Each structure stands twice: as C-alpha cells, then as structure tokens.
C-alpha cells in the first residue's frame, strides 16, 4: 500500500519550546498526541513524507510543488533562531508528481517563485517528526515533498492527492502524508482574531468528518462557513483525502482543543489491511454529483435580481451579446417574483435608476466584483446587466470568466442606498454599512458590508483605503457610509 498512513496536524509555533517558553503547556493534549504521531511515523519508516501546508507558497490558480534539492528554516520570526531545520526533497517524486499533473491538465507543478525557506506550517510537523526519528535512531530522515495550497476547487485539491497516491505506487515509494493545517481562528473573544459563531460550528463539522473519514463532507463544506470561521487547513485536508482515494481507512481523531482561540485537531487515517481498492470510496465522482445538485438548487433559488444578472453575464460570456432586460424580465418575475405585492415592489425597484454591485464567487472565492456608487444607466435593471458583465470581464484582479465556469458561479447583487458622510468611526458598523474612503485628490476605495472575515470598523476602513491606494495611517480620510439591499 503506497500511502502507509495519513495525519492531519496543526502548526502552532508555540508548540516548539523555544517559541512557547512555557505557553505550550496550554496545549498539552496536542503536544502529547503530536509526539505520538512522530513515534508512529518513525515506526512506519516511510521512504517519503509528503507535507501540504497553508503557509507554503500559495497561488490563486495554481498548486505549487516545491522543487530543488531541499530547504531549511527556523522559527526566527517567532523569536527562536535556533535550531535550523533541514528537509531534503524527494526530487524524483516531486518531478513525477508535476509531470502527472501536467499530463492530467491539473494546474499544479513547479511554476511560480520557488521559496527555499521552510514555512512554519511545514516546520512544526518536522520538529516533532525529526525529533522522534532521531530518538528511534533510524539514520537519515526520509525525503520530503512539500505542497502549497490554492484557491482552486476542492476537487482539484483532491485530484492532486490522487496523483500523490498514483506516483507513490508507480515509484514504489512508502509514503506518509502529513496534512498541516489549523482549524478555525475565531473560537474565543479574547483570542487573537476574536469570536465568530461560525467557528465552533465549523470545528464540530470538521471533527465529525475526520472521525468518520467523510471525505465528501470535507469537499462539500460550505465555503462561507469556512471563511467566516477563518480556517486555514481545509484544503490541505482535501489533498490528504485524495491521497487515500478508493482506500478503506480506519479513522480516529486523536485530539482536538482550542484554548487560544484557534482550533488544533490531530487525526489519523490508517488504511485498512486489504490491498483491494474500495470502489465506494471513489469520492471524486460523488463530489461532482453533489456539486451539480447543489448548483442546480442554488440557481433554482436565485432571486429576480441575481437571475437577471446571470442571464446577462451568461449571454455575454457565451455569445458576446448584451441582452435587453425587458426581453427577459417578465419571464423571470413570473417565475421568481413571489406574490403580487413582492413582484410589484421588484418591478418598481428595477424600473427606477439605482446604483448596485454585482459580486461573483467560485468555490467560495471571489471571482469578480464591479459596481457603481451612483446610477449610470436609465434604470436599475440596465445597471445590473452592465455590472454583471463587468464583474465577469473587467475586474482587473481576475481573468475573464470562461464559459465553462458559468455553472460554478454564485452571484450576489447589492443595491446601494444613498451614501452619507461620517464624522466618527463609531457611526460605522461593518455588518450594517458599506464604506467609501476617499482623499482630497480624488482617490477612493469602497467596501461592501457584511463580508466574511471583516469584523471590525478598523479592518473595514483599512481594506477600503488599500483598495483606493490610500494609506489610512498617514493620510486625511473622508469617509461615507451606505446601506445595501442584498439579493441572493
């Protein structure tokens, strides 16, 4: 069996005594289990250890595999410059993995800027694994393959894991997979990131999925829930799941705690003794079916404004054609307009001038967002259609939406109220008001309200300022707030 065992592990730097300096006693359960994992891996004596880390080089649309002979790292950024940790890379495995990804058309490999320093998401597990290996006196530590994460789909992360399994088999490597990743970062009010009610909900779901080896649950996790919980390990765990594709496993959660406001979970996925593939565990096919059903449900439940935006951007992306709202609105209102009173309200709303933003998301990640702060078209219906096309084709942060992406998109339409000036930050609330931050010379940044991960006024103003190229710390700011009517 090429993958001997797989583990999910956290990466708190304070787990290392030189960093923690006594604070590590607060995660005693995690440390005890981490040492157990180190001993288990030493007993298995793998040829190669594959580590995926959220803090390895990360690209939006590419899964980078670290290349070269190896890398070194320390915890200097956490006040601990010694010892120096070294990892020798399994170059043959990494090259075979990159070639397999290229052959499959998966956006993964050696492209992008290669970083020779080891990140703390890799260093923390290496600290425990190398320590146990040294105690076992096994000689040279196994070679390592390091993988970064991306904003690609859960399925693409899973597929990279499948290729890890395939390459291990082809090369005859005995592999242990280490999925480095913390859980949520918002478990307590006094934690470094504050509290979010989604955090304990995410923690409970994640523990259930790992305790039951429910890889479909890992792949279909609500991205909004994960984002609001401020997790960092989910996609690392998804690659691990792929490395165990079609494999019957014996799962166990070994520890789970969060005393510092961050969830630390250690789990083990031990393949069953049988060598035969378990066809019921081919999760990729189940995921595609579940996603197709979920997307059909999302599209069926879209309101009138989002349906209009979708028709507009789809016509343009597929056929470079701009629709006339009047040609489609009657049908959309008849199907989705609700009762007579609500339909009349929407007809009135769409017929008058109005400013709006259209936002696109794909696999939980922003895919485009364009809007207007004041009406630029004859009515809101035309404004929505124009901004939907712009969100798909004119957001400078993203490439144009491709026709094959259309079924994956989730749309929001925010209809803006009239902006009003703000004299004091106390008049803002990031859950209620959007903000416009501007300067005397005309630079301006805008941020919508109630965005995942934006929990404080300071964060909201700071992000809006950066979007406008404004230094909120040194420049004089003019701030306005506005309300939105959000349509899903």
Protein backbone atom coordinates (compact mmCIF):
# COMPACT_ATOMS: atom_id res chain seq x y z
CA UNK A 1 0.00 0.00 0.00
CA UNK A 2 1.80 3.18 -1.19
CA UNK A 3 0.30 5.54 1.43
CA UNK A 4 1.08 3.90 4.74
CA UNK A 5 -0.83 6.41 6.86
CA UNK A 6 -2.06 9.99 6.78
CA UNK A 7 -2.41 12.57 9.53
CA UNK A 8 -3.98 15.98 9.96
CA UNK A 9 -1.89 18.12 12.29
CA UNK A 10 -1.94 21.76 13.44
CA UNK A 11 1.05 24.07 13.26
CA UNK A 12 1.12 26.42 16.28
CA UNK A 13 4.71 27.75 16.55
CA UNK A 14 4.33 27.92 20.33
CA UNK A 15 4.33 24.11 20.29
CA UNK A 16 8.11 24.44 19.95
CA UNK A 17 9.59 25.13 23.42
CA UNK A 18 11.94 27.84 22.16
CA UNK A 19 8.91 29.74 20.89
CA UNK A 20 6.33 28.79 23.50
CA UNK A 21 8.58 29.35 26.53
CA UNK A 22 6.04 27.74 28.81
CA UNK A 23 2.90 28.74 26.94
CA UNK A 24 2.94 25.35 25.22
CA UNK A 25 1.60 23.90 28.46
CA UNK A 26 -1.77 25.31 27.38
CA UNK A 27 -1.94 22.76 24.55
CA UNK A 28 -0.61 19.78 26.45
CA UNK A 29 -3.05 17.35 24.82
CA UNK A 30 -2.00 18.44 21.34
CA UNK A 31 1.70 18.12 22.19
CA UNK A 32 1.29 14.63 23.66
CA UNK A 33 -0.51 13.41 20.57
CA UNK A 34 1.96 15.15 18.26
CA UNK A 35 4.77 13.17 19.91
CA UNK A 36 2.71 10.02 19.44
CA UNK A 37 2.35 10.81 15.74
CA UNK A 38 6.11 11.29 15.50
CA UNK A 39 6.73 7.87 17.06
CA UNK A 40 4.18 6.21 14.78
CA UNK A 41 5.78 7.68 11.67
CA UNK A 42 9.22 6.59 12.89
CA UNK A 43 7.91 3.05 13.34
CA UNK A 44 6.50 3.04 9.80
CA UNK A 45 9.88 4.13 8.37
CA UNK A 46 8.50 5.66 5.18
CA UNK A 47 10.70 6.46 2.19
CA UNK A 48 8.99 9.82 1.63
CA UNK A 49 6.90 12.21 3.71
CA UNK A 50 4.50 14.40 1.74
CA UNK A 51 3.51 17.60 3.57
CA UNK A 52 0.85 20.04 2.41
CA UNK A 53 0.92 23.41 4.16
CA UNK A 54 -1.28 26.51 4.03
CA UNK A 55 1.85 28.62 4.55
CA UNK A 56 3.90 27.18 1.71
CA UNK A 57 3.86 29.37 -1.43
CA UNK A 58 0.22 29.97 -2.33
CA UNK A 59 -1.29 30.97 -5.66
CA UNK A 60 -4.89 31.63 -6.53
CA UNK A 61 -4.95 29.35 -9.57
CA UNK A 62 -2.00 27.01 -9.09
CA UNK A 63 -0.87 24.33 -6.65
CA UNK A 64 2.89 24.70 -6.29
CA UNK A 65 5.14 21.74 -5.57
CA UNK A 66 8.46 22.80 -4.08
CA UNK A 67 11.43 21.98 -6.30
CA UNK A 68 15.16 21.73 -5.79
CA UNK A 69 17.32 19.61 -3.51
CA UNK A 70 15.76 20.82 -0.29
CA UNK A 71 15.14 23.73 2.04
CA UNK A 72 15.96 24.97 5.52
CA UNK A 73 14.06 27.02 8.06
CA UNK A 74 13.93 28.37 11.57
CA UNK A 75 11.40 29.94 13.88
CA UNK A 76 13.30 33.25 13.79
CA UNK A 77 10.16 35.24 13.02
CA UNK A 78 8.78 33.90 16.30
CA UNK A 79 11.88 34.79 18.29
CA UNK A 80 13.65 31.43 18.07
CA UNK A 81 16.56 31.40 15.54
CA UNK A 82 17.86 28.00 16.68
CA UNK A 83 17.81 25.19 15.78
CA UNK A 84 17.91 25.20 11.98
CA UNK A 85 15.64 22.57 10.44
CA UNK A 86 16.57 20.93 7.16
CA UNK A 87 14.49 18.95 4.69
CA UNK A 88 15.89 17.08 1.70
CA UNK A 89 13.35 16.94 -1.11
CA UNK A 90 12.46 13.77 -2.96
CA UNK A 91 13.23 15.27 -6.35
CA UNK A 92 12.24 12.18 -8.31
CA UNK A 93 8.85 12.04 -6.61
CA UNK A 94 8.24 15.78 -6.97
CA UNK A 95 9.13 15.73 -10.68
CA UNK A 96 6.91 12.70 -11.31
CA UNK A 97 4.07 14.43 -9.47
CA UNK A 98 4.47 17.63 -11.51
CA UNK A 99 4.58 15.61 -14.74
CA UNK A 100 1.47 13.66 -13.76
CA UNK A 101 -0.38 16.89 -13.03
CA UNK A 102 0.63 18.35 -16.39
CA UNK A 103 -0.48 15.19 -18.20
CA UNK A 104 -3.86 15.36 -16.46
CA UNK A 105 -4.30 19.08 -17.15
CA UNK A 106 -4.23 19.92 -13.44
CA UNK A 107 -2.79 23.34 -12.55
CA UNK A 108 -0.02 22.02 -10.32
CA UNK A 109 3.75 21.78 -10.57
CA UNK A 110 6.95 23.81 -10.27
CA UNK A 111 5.81 27.11 -11.77
CA UNK A 112 5.93 30.35 -9.80
CA UNK A 113 8.60 31.71 -7.49
CA UNK A 114 10.26 28.91 -5.58
CA UNK A 115 10.97 29.66 -1.92
CA UNK A 116 13.92 27.91 -0.27
CA UNK A 117 12.83 28.75 3.30
CA UNK A 118 10.56 26.31 5.10
CA UNK A 119 7.29 27.82 6.35
CA UNK A 120 6.02 27.25 9.86
CA UNK A 121 3.21 25.05 8.56
CA UNK A 122 5.96 22.66 7.49
CA UNK A 123 8.41 23.35 10.31
CA UNK A 124 6.10 22.46 13.20
CA UNK A 125 5.36 18.92 11.99
CA UNK A 126 9.05 18.48 11.04
CA UNK A 127 10.02 19.45 14.60
CA UNK A 128 8.07 16.51 16.01
CA UNK A 129 8.76 14.03 13.22
CA UNK A 130 12.51 14.64 13.12
CA UNK A 131 12.71 14.53 16.93
CA UNK A 132 11.01 11.14 17.07
CA UNK A 133 13.12 9.86 14.17
CA UNK A 134 16.30 10.85 15.98
CA UNK A 135 15.12 9.12 19.16
CA UNK A 136 14.44 5.95 17.16
CA UNK A 137 17.98 6.12 15.74
CA UNK A 138 16.84 5.24 12.24
CA UNK A 139 19.58 7.14 10.44
CA UNK A 140 18.75 9.59 7.66
CA UNK A 141 15.34 11.22 7.90
CA UNK A 142 13.02 10.49 4.93
CA UNK A 143 12.97 12.82 1.98
CA UNK A 144 10.12 15.32 1.82
CA UNK A 145 7.69 16.57 -0.81
CA UNK A 146 6.19 19.97 0.06
CA UNK A 147 2.92 21.15 -1.50
CA UNK A 148 1.22 24.55 -1.22
CA UNK A 149 -2.49 25.25 -1.43
CA UNK A 150 -4.53 27.43 -3.80
CA UNK A 151 -7.96 28.92 -4.46
CA UNK A 152 -8.72 26.17 -6.96
CA UNK A 153 -11.73 23.96 -6.35
CA UNK A 154 -11.89 21.30 -3.63
CA UNK A 155 -11.97 18.68 -6.40
CA UNK A 156 -8.69 19.92 -7.87
CA UNK A 157 -7.03 19.67 -4.46
CA UNK A 158 -8.41 16.16 -4.11
CA UNK A 159 -7.14 15.26 -7.58
CA UNK A 160 -3.62 16.32 -6.62
CA UNK A 161 -3.89 13.94 -3.68
CA UNK A 162 -4.94 11.18 -6.07
CA UNK A 163 -1.78 11.86 -8.07
CA UNK A 164 0.30 11.59 -4.88
CA UNK A 165 -1.16 8.12 -4.43
CA UNK A 166 -0.53 7.24 -8.09
CA UNK A 167 3.09 8.44 -8.11
CA UNK A 168 3.85 6.65 -4.83
CA UNK A 169 2.59 3.43 -6.40
CA UNK A 170 4.44 3.95 -9.68
CA UNK A 171 7.76 4.69 -7.94
CA UNK A 172 7.30 2.06 -5.27
CA UNK A 173 7.58 4.66 -2.51
CA UNK A 174 6.32 4.03 1.01
CA UNK A 175 4.66 7.37 1.83
CA UNK A 176 3.27 9.03 4.93
CA UNK A 177 1.02 12.01 4.23
CA UNK A 178 1.02 14.96 6.65
CA UNK A 179 -1.80 17.48 6.11
CA UNK A 180 -0.72 20.54 8.08
CA UNK A 181 -3.48 22.98 8.97
CA UNK A 182 -5.16 24.69 11.90
CA UNK A 183 -8.93 24.72 12.15
CA UNK A 184 -10.84 27.93 12.84
CA UNK A 185 -9.15 31.02 14.30
CA UNK A 186 -12.17 32.65 15.94
CA UNK A 187 -13.15 30.42 18.83
CA UNK A 188 -12.93 32.95 21.68
CA UNK A 189 -13.47 36.65 22.22
CA UNK A 190 -10.05 37.00 23.83
CA UNK A 191 -8.25 35.14 21.04
CA UNK A 192 -6.07 36.98 18.52
CA UNK A 193 -8.87 37.08 15.91
CA UNK A 194 -11.93 37.48 18.14
CA UNK A 195 -15.02 35.29 18.08
CA UNK A 196 -17.33 34.23 15.27
CA UNK A 197 -20.33 31.94 15.88
CA UNK A 198 -19.41 30.01 12.73
CA UNK A 199 -16.11 28.91 14.30
CA UNK A 200 -17.43 26.31 16.78
CA UNK A 201 -19.90 25.13 14.14
CA UNK A 202 -17.05 24.57 11.69
CA UNK A 203 -14.95 22.83 14.35
CA UNK A 204 -17.76 20.39 15.14
CA UNK A 205 -18.35 19.56 11.49
CA UNK A 206 -14.66 19.09 10.79
CA UNK A 207 -14.22 16.75 13.73
CA UNK A 208 -17.22 14.71 12.57
CA UNK A 209 -15.91 14.47 9.00
CA UNK A 210 -12.46 13.37 10.11
CA UNK A 211 -13.73 10.99 12.78
CA UNK A 212 -15.78 9.21 10.11
CA UNK A 213 -13.41 9.64 7.15
CA UNK A 214 -16.25 11.54 5.49
CA UNK A 215 -14.19 12.92 2.63
CA UNK A 216 -17.29 14.04 0.74
CA UNK A 217 -18.10 16.26 3.73
CA UNK A 218 -14.60 17.76 3.53
CA UNK A 219 -15.06 18.51 -0.16
CA UNK A 220 -18.56 19.95 0.06
CA UNK A 221 -18.02 22.12 3.15
CA UNK A 222 -19.90 25.41 2.82
CA UNK A 223 -17.17 27.87 1.77
CA UNK A 224 -18.97 30.75 3.51
CA UNK A 225 -18.90 28.80 6.79
CA UNK A 226 -15.19 28.05 6.35
CA UNK A 227 -14.37 31.67 5.53
CA UNK A 228 -16.27 33.15 8.44
CA UNK A 229 -14.61 30.62 10.76
CA UNK A 230 -11.22 31.80 9.44
CA UNK A 231 -9.88 28.28 8.93
CA UNK A 232 -6.59 27.52 7.21
CA UNK A 233 -6.36 23.73 6.93
CA UNK A 234 -9.39 22.57 4.97
CA UNK A 235 -7.76 22.41 1.54
CA UNK A 236 -4.71 20.71 2.99
CA UNK A 237 -7.04 18.05 4.36
CA UNK A 238 -8.73 17.77 0.96
CA UNK A 239 -5.42 16.88 -0.71
CA UNK A 240 -4.83 14.29 2.02
CA UNK A 241 -8.26 12.80 1.31
CA UNK A 242 -7.32 12.41 -2.36
CA UNK A 243 -4.16 10.55 -1.38
CA UNK A 244 -6.48 7.95 0.19
CA UNK A 245 -8.89 7.76 -2.73
CA UNK A 246 -10.57 4.36 -3.19
CA UNK A 247 -8.99 3.23 0.08
CA UNK A 248 -10.82 1.79 3.06
CA UNK A 249 -9.46 3.63 6.10
CA UNK A 250 -9.66 3.38 9.86
CA UNK A 251 -10.10 6.98 11.03
CA UNK A 252 -9.51 8.38 14.51
CA UNK A 253 -9.47 11.88 15.95
CA UNK A 254 -6.57 11.78 18.41
CA UNK A 255 -7.02 15.20 20.00
CA UNK A 256 -8.96 18.44 19.49
CA UNK A 257 -8.63 21.59 21.55
CA UNK A 258 -8.67 25.36 21.15
CA UNK A 259 -7.51 27.12 24.32
CA UNK A 260 -6.02 30.13 22.50
CA UNK A 261 -8.98 30.78 20.21
CA UNK A 262 -7.52 28.60 17.44
CA UNK A 263 -8.66 25.03 16.81
CA UNK A 264 -5.92 22.39 16.92
CA UNK A 265 -7.03 18.96 15.70
CA UNK A 266 -4.90 15.87 15.20
CA UNK A 267 -6.37 12.89 13.36
CA UNK A 268 -5.10 9.68 11.86
CA UNK A 269 -6.27 7.93 8.69
CA UNK A 270 -4.85 4.42 8.67
CA UNK A 271 -5.55 2.35 5.53
CA UNK A 272 -7.21 -0.98 6.23
CA UNK A 273 -5.07 -4.04 5.70
CA UNK A 274 -6.74 -5.16 2.47
CA UNK A 275 -4.91 -4.24 -0.72
CA UNK A 276 -8.09 -4.22 -2.82
CA UNK A 277 -9.48 -0.86 -3.88
CA UNK A 278 -12.75 0.18 -2.26
CA UNK A 279 -14.91 1.49 -5.10
CA UNK A 280 -17.34 3.06 -2.63
CA UNK A 281 -14.50 5.37 -1.58
CA UNK A 282 -14.02 6.94 -5.02
CA UNK A 283 -15.12 10.30 -3.71
CA UNK A 284 -14.42 12.45 -6.78
CA UNK A 285 -17.43 11.08 -8.67
CA UNK A 286 -19.67 11.55 -5.64
CA UNK A 287 -18.43 15.12 -5.27
CA UNK A 288 -19.22 16.04 -8.85
CA UNK A 289 -22.75 14.67 -8.44
CA UNK A 290 -23.25 16.53 -5.15
CA UNK A 291 -21.91 19.79 -6.60
CA UNK A 292 -24.12 19.53 -9.67
CA UNK A 293 -27.15 19.07 -7.42
CA UNK A 294 -26.12 21.91 -5.11
CA UNK A 295 -25.54 24.30 -8.01
CA UNK A 296 -28.89 23.41 -9.55
CA UNK A 297 -30.54 24.15 -6.21
CA UNK A 298 -28.67 27.46 -5.89
CA UNK A 299 -29.68 28.58 -9.36
CA UNK A 300 -33.28 27.49 -8.79
CA UNK A 301 -33.44 29.53 -5.58
CA UNK A 302 -31.87 32.70 -7.01
CA UNK A 303 -33.96 35.81 -6.67
CA UNK A 304 -35.05 38.04 -9.53
CA UNK A 305 -32.06 40.39 -9.49
CA UNK A 306 -29.48 37.60 -9.41
CA UNK A 307 -31.31 35.71 -12.14
CA UNK A 308 -31.24 38.84 -14.31
CA UNK A 309 -27.51 39.28 -13.63
CA UNK A 310 -26.84 35.64 -14.52
CA UNK A 311 -28.74 35.84 -17.81
CA UNK A 312 -26.83 39.00 -18.72
CA UNK A 313 -23.33 37.75 -17.98
CA UNK A 314 -24.03 34.30 -19.46
CA UNK A 315 -25.20 35.80 -22.76
CA UNK A 316 -22.10 37.99 -22.93
CA UNK A 317 -19.58 35.31 -21.90
CA UNK A 318 -21.03 32.71 -24.26
CA UNK A 319 -22.04 34.84 -27.25
CA UNK A 320 -20.60 38.36 -26.63
CA UNK A 321 -24.21 39.53 -26.68
CA UNK A 322 -25.80 42.21 -24.49
CA UNK A 323 -29.39 41.41 -23.59
CA UNK A 324 -32.23 43.89 -23.28
CA UNK A 325 -33.65 43.48 -19.74
CA UNK A 326 -37.23 43.91 -20.92
CA UNK A 327 -36.87 40.80 -23.08
CA UNK A 328 -36.28 38.52 -20.09
CA UNK A 329 -37.67 40.29 -17.03
CA UNK A 330 -41.29 39.29 -17.47
CA UNK A 331 -40.37 35.62 -17.52
CA UNK A 332 -38.02 35.96 -14.53
CA UNK A 333 -40.58 37.90 -12.50
CA UNK A 334 -43.26 35.37 -13.33
CA UNK A 335 -41.06 32.50 -12.18
CA UNK A 336 -39.31 34.08 -9.18
CA UNK A 337 -41.16 37.27 -8.33
CA UNK A 338 -43.13 35.85 -5.41
CA UNK A 339 -46.60 37.10 -4.56
CA UNK A 340 -48.25 40.06 -6.30
CA UNK A 341 -47.06 42.56 -3.68
CA UNK A 342 -43.41 41.46 -3.86
CA UNK A 343 -43.49 41.33 -7.65
CA UNK A 344 -44.84 44.90 -7.77
CA UNK A 345 -42.07 46.04 -5.38
CA UNK A 346 -39.38 44.46 -7.55
CA UNK A 347 -40.85 45.92 -10.74
CA UNK A 348 -40.75 49.37 -9.18
CA UNK A 349 -37.20 48.85 -7.89
CA UNK A 350 -35.89 47.72 -11.28
CA UNK A 351 -37.64 50.48 -13.22
CA UNK A 352 -36.04 53.41 -11.39
CA UNK A 353 -32.37 54.47 -11.54
CA UNK A 354 -30.18 52.81 -8.93
CA UNK A 355 -26.58 52.01 -8.06
CA UNK A 356 -25.52 48.43 -7.45
CA UNK A 357 -22.63 46.00 -7.13
CA UNK A 358 -22.59 42.54 -8.69
CA UNK A 359 -20.31 40.01 -6.99
CA UNK A 360 -19.25 36.63 -8.36
CA UNK A 361 -17.86 33.77 -6.30
CA UNK A 362 -16.44 30.45 -7.43
CA UNK A 363 -15.79 27.64 -4.94
CA UNK A 364 -16.21 30.17 -2.16
CA UNK A 365 -13.55 32.54 -3.53
CA UNK A 366 -14.23 35.96 -5.02
CA UNK A 367 -14.20 35.73 -8.83
CA UNK A 368 -15.16 39.30 -9.68
CA UNK A 369 -16.93 42.33 -8.25
CA UNK A 370 -17.86 45.53 -10.06
CA UNK A 371 -20.32 48.21 -9.07
CA UNK A 372 -21.42 51.80 -9.19
CA UNK A 373 -21.89 54.26 -6.34
CA UNK A 374 -24.40 56.33 -8.29
CA UNK A 375 -26.71 55.37 -11.17
CA UNK A 376 -25.10 55.37 -14.62
CA UNK A 377 -27.94 53.76 -16.60
CA UNK A 378 -31.57 54.56 -17.26
CA UNK A 379 -32.77 52.13 -14.60
CA UNK A 380 -31.56 49.53 -12.11
CA UNK A 381 -32.29 46.64 -14.48
CA UNK A 382 -29.82 48.00 -17.03
CA UNK A 383 -27.36 48.82 -14.23
CA UNK A 384 -27.43 45.20 -13.04
CA UNK A 385 -26.92 43.81 -16.54
CA UNK A 386 -23.97 46.11 -17.23
CA UNK A 387 -22.28 45.49 -13.87
CA UNK A 388 -22.74 41.72 -14.20
CA UNK A 389 -20.85 41.78 -17.50
CA UNK A 390 -18.15 43.99 -15.99
CA UNK A 391 -17.76 41.71 -12.97
CA UNK A 392 -17.14 38.81 -15.35
CA UNK A 393 -14.87 40.62 -17.79
CA UNK A 394 -13.49 43.87 -16.39
CA UNK A 395 -12.35 43.26 -12.82
CA UNK A 396 -8.58 43.83 -13.11
CA UNK A 397 -7.86 41.34 -10.34
CA UNK A 398 -9.13 38.36 -12.33
CA UNK A 399 -9.03 36.93 -15.86
CA UNK A 400 -12.27 36.93 -17.85
CA UNK A 401 -14.84 34.35 -16.79
CA UNK A 402 -14.79 31.41 -19.19
CA UNK A 403 -17.98 29.72 -20.47
CA UNK A 404 -17.14 26.50 -18.60
CA UNK A 405 -17.08 28.43 -15.31
CA UNK A 406 -20.63 29.77 -15.60
CA UNK A 407 -22.31 26.86 -13.85
CA UNK A 408 -19.90 27.21 -10.90
CA UNK A 409 -20.60 30.88 -10.20
CA UNK A 410 -22.58 32.11 -7.20
CA UNK A 411 -23.97 35.64 -7.64
CA UNK A 412 -24.90 38.44 -5.25
CA UNK A 413 -26.48 41.75 -6.20
CA UNK A 414 -26.23 44.62 -3.72
CA UNK A 415 -28.50 47.61 -4.35
CA UNK A 416 -26.95 50.67 -2.74
CA UNK A 417 -28.62 53.32 -0.65
CA UNK A 418 -27.56 56.96 -0.81
CA UNK A 419 -24.07 57.50 0.72
CA UNK A 420 -23.88 59.82 3.72
CA UNK A 421 -20.81 61.43 5.32
CA UNK A 422 -19.40 60.08 8.58
CA UNK A 423 -17.58 62.15 11.17
CA UNK A 424 -16.72 59.43 13.67
CA UNK A 425 -15.79 55.76 13.30
CA UNK A 426 -18.39 54.98 15.95
CA UNK A 427 -21.01 55.72 13.31
CA UNK A 428 -19.85 52.71 11.28
CA UNK A 429 -20.76 49.05 11.61
CA UNK A 430 -19.14 46.62 9.14
CA UNK A 431 -22.14 44.29 9.35
CA UNK A 432 -24.65 47.03 8.51
CA UNK A 433 -22.91 49.72 6.47
CA UNK A 434 -20.59 49.71 3.49
CA UNK A 435 -17.87 52.39 3.43
CA UNK A 436 -16.38 54.78 0.90
CA UNK A 437 -12.93 56.04 1.87
CA UNK A 438 -11.59 58.91 -0.22
CA UNK A 439 -8.95 61.65 -0.22
CA UNK A 440 -8.91 65.27 -1.33
CA UNK A 441 -7.07 64.35 -4.54
CA UNK A 442 -9.86 62.01 -5.65
CA UNK A 443 -8.54 58.58 -4.76
CA UNK A 444 -11.32 56.37 -3.47
CA UNK A 445 -11.85 52.85 -2.14
CA UNK A 446 -15.12 51.07 -1.47
CA UNK A 447 -16.04 48.04 0.63
CA UNK A 448 -19.45 46.42 0.90
CA UNK A 449 -20.94 45.49 4.29
CA UNK A 450 -21.25 42.09 5.95
CA UNK A 451 -18.26 40.44 4.29
CA UNK A 452 -16.75 37.27 5.71
CA UNK A 453 -13.53 37.99 7.58
CA UNK A 454 -14.25 41.71 8.02
CA UNK A 455 -15.35 42.03 11.62
CA UNK A 456 -14.20 45.44 12.83
CA UNK A 457 -14.55 49.02 11.66
CA UNK A 458 -10.78 49.36 11.56
CA UNK A 459 -10.47 46.35 9.26
CA UNK A 460 -13.22 47.64 7.01
CA UNK A 461 -11.78 51.14 6.66
CA UNK A 462 -8.26 49.79 6.21
CA UNK A 463 -9.26 47.42 3.41
CA UNK A 464 -11.32 50.09 1.65
CA UNK A 465 -8.40 52.50 1.88
CA UNK A 466 -5.93 49.99 0.45
CA UNK A 467 -8.27 49.31 -2.46
CA UNK A 468 -8.04 53.01 -3.29
CA UNK A 469 -4.26 53.20 -2.89
CA UNK A 470 -4.67 55.22 0.30
CA UNK A 471 -2.53 54.98 3.44
CA UNK A 472 -5.14 55.12 6.21
CA UNK A 473 -2.43 55.68 8.83
CA UNK A 474 -0.96 58.88 7.41
CA UNK A 475 -3.45 60.47 5.03
CA UNK A 476 -6.51 62.52 5.79
CA UNK A 477 -9.59 60.44 5.08
CA UNK A 478 -13.10 61.36 4.04
CA UNK A 479 -15.48 58.57 4.96
CA UNK A 480 -19.02 57.91 3.83
CA UNK A 481 -21.31 55.05 4.73
CA UNK A 482 -24.14 53.43 2.81
CA UNK A 483 -26.65 50.66 3.32
CA UNK A 484 -27.34 47.89 0.83
CA UNK A 485 -30.27 45.68 -0.02
CA UNK A 486 -28.59 42.34 -0.69
CA UNK A 487 -30.15 39.96 -3.18
CA UNK A 488 -29.04 36.35 -3.38
